[in-house]
Amino acid sequence: MTNTTISVTKETKKALLDLGTKGETYDSIIRKLLKRFAWKKLDDEWNKILANDEFIPLDEL
């Protein structure tokens, strides 16, 4: 896998360091954040479906 450079503010860099653990790479921290975001997005979609849609019990099908 090849690496690339991204530009972030000093505040963002510090926030990433604060989220990570000693010795953890920025790549690892960002990947964890992306994974959590994906789960949160999925959870939000399920909650939206549960709040707005009607369900038919299986025994009524």
C-alpha atoms as a PDB file:
ATOM      1  CA  MET A   1       0.000   0.000   0.000  1.00  0.00           C
ATOM      2  CA  THR A   2       1.331   3.420  -0.876  1.00  0.00           C
ATOM      3  CA  ASN A   3       1.188   6.433   1.407  1.00  0.00           C
ATOM      4  CA  THR A   4      -0.061   9.915   0.704  1.00  0.00           C
ATOM      5  CA  THR A   5       0.132  13.203   2.529  1.00  0.00           C
ATOM      6  CA  ILE A   6      -2.907  15.091   3.783  1.00  0.00           C
ATOM      7  CA  SER A   7      -2.913  18.578   5.213  1.00  0.00           C
ATOM      8  CA  VAL A   8      -4.564  19.150   8.594  1.00  0.00           C
ATOM      9  CA  THR A   9      -4.458  21.996  11.067  1.00  0.00           C
ATOM     10  CA  LYS A  10      -2.355  21.731  14.209  1.00  0.00           C
ATOM     11  CA  GLU A  11      -5.576  21.501  16.205  1.00  0.00           C
ATOM     12  CA  THR A  12      -6.750  18.526  14.125  1.00  0.00           C
ATOM     13  CA  LYS A  13      -3.376  16.834  14.494  1.00  0.00           C
ATOM     14  CA  LYS A  14      -3.535  17.255  18.269  1.00  0.00           C
ATOM     15  CA  ALA A  15      -7.119  15.951  18.354  1.00  0.00           C
ATOM     16  CA  LEU A  16      -6.043  12.857  16.428  1.00  0.00           C
ATOM     17  CA  LEU A  17      -3.144  12.303  18.819  1.00  0.00           C
ATOM     18  CA  ASP A  18      -5.493  12.676  21.793  1.00  0.00           C
ATOM     19  CA  LEU A  19      -7.837  10.044  20.331  1.00  0.00           C
ATOM     20  CA  GLY A  20      -5.071   7.545  19.718  1.00  0.00           C
ATOM     21  CA  THR A  21      -2.898   5.525  22.026  1.00  0.00           C
ATOM     22  CA  LYS A  22       0.876   5.679  22.448  1.00  0.00           C
ATOM     23  CA  GLY A  23       2.584   4.470  19.303  1.00  0.00           C
ATOM     24  CA  GLU A  24      -0.602   4.359  17.238  1.00  0.00           C
ATOM     25  CA  THR A  25      -0.288   5.718  13.715  1.00  0.00           C
ATOM     26  CA  TYR A  26      -2.443   8.469  12.267  1.00  0.00           C
ATOM     27  CA  ASP A  27      -3.632   5.934   9.695  1.00  0.00           C
ATOM     28  CA  SER A  28      -4.857   3.618  12.441  1.00  0.00           C
ATOM     29  CA  ILE A  29      -6.613   6.440  14.298  1.00  0.00           C
ATOM     30  CA  ILE A  30      -8.323   7.686  11.135  1.00  0.00           C
ATOM     31  CA  ARG A  31      -9.390   4.144  10.188  1.00  0.00           C
ATOM     32  CA  LYS A  32     -10.964   3.683  13.628  1.00  0.00           C
ATOM     33  CA  LEU A  33     -12.829   6.972  13.243  1.00  0.00           C
ATOM     34  CA  LEU A  34     -14.069   5.962   9.787  1.00  0.00           C
ATOM     35  CA  LYS A  35     -15.261   2.603  11.103  1.00  0.00           C
ATOM     36  CA  ARG A  36     -17.122   4.259  13.988  1.00  0.00           C
ATOM     37  CA  PHE A  37     -18.657   6.780  11.597  1.00  0.00           C
ATOM     38  CA  ALA A  38     -19.854   3.980   9.309  1.00  0.00           C
ATOM     39  CA  TRP A  39     -21.506   2.179  12.256  1.00  0.00           C
ATOM     40  CA  LYS A  40     -23.084   5.435  13.454  1.00  0.00           C
ATOM     41  CA  LYS A  41     -24.441   6.130   9.978  1.00  0.00           C
ATOM     42  CA  LEU A  42     -25.912   2.620   9.782  1.00  0.00           C
ATOM     43  CA  ASP A  43     -27.410   2.982  13.266  1.00  0.00           C
ATOM     44  CA  ASP A  44     -28.988   6.311  12.305  1.00  0.00           C
ATOM     45  CA  GLU A  45     -30.532   4.722   9.205  1.00  0.00           C
ATOM     46  CA  TRP A  46     -31.987   1.838  11.244  1.00  0.00           C
ATOM     47  CA  ASN A  47     -33.404   4.263  13.800  1.00  0.00           C
ATOM     48  CA  LYS A  48     -34.973   6.287  10.989  1.00  0.00           C
ATOM     49  CA  ILE A  49     -36.565   3.142   9.544  1.00  0.00           C
ATOM     50  CA  LEU A  50     -37.822   2.024  12.952  1.00  0.00           C
ATOM     51  CA  ALA A  51     -39.307   5.456  13.673  1.00  0.00           C
ATOM     52  CA  ASN A  52     -40.998   5.993  10.317  1.00  0.00           C
ATOM     53  CA  ASP A  53     -41.946   2.618   8.867  1.00  0.00           C
ATOM     54  CA  GLU A  54     -44.582   0.067   9.744  1.00  0.00           C
ATOM     55  CA  PHE A  55     -43.706  -3.561  10.167  1.00  0.00           C
ATOM     56  CA  ILE A  56     -45.849  -6.634   9.642  1.00  0.00           C
ATOM     57  CA  PRO A  57     -45.298  -9.450  12.138  1.00  0.00           C
ATOM     58  CA  LEU A  58     -43.951 -12.591  10.468  1.00  0.00           C
ATOM     59  CA  ASP A  59     -46.909 -14.680  11.607  1.00  0.00           C
ATOM     60  CA  GLU A  60     -49.224 -12.359   9.650  1.00  0.00           C
ATOM     61  CA  LEU A  61     -47.431 -12.919   6.349  1.00  0.00           C
END
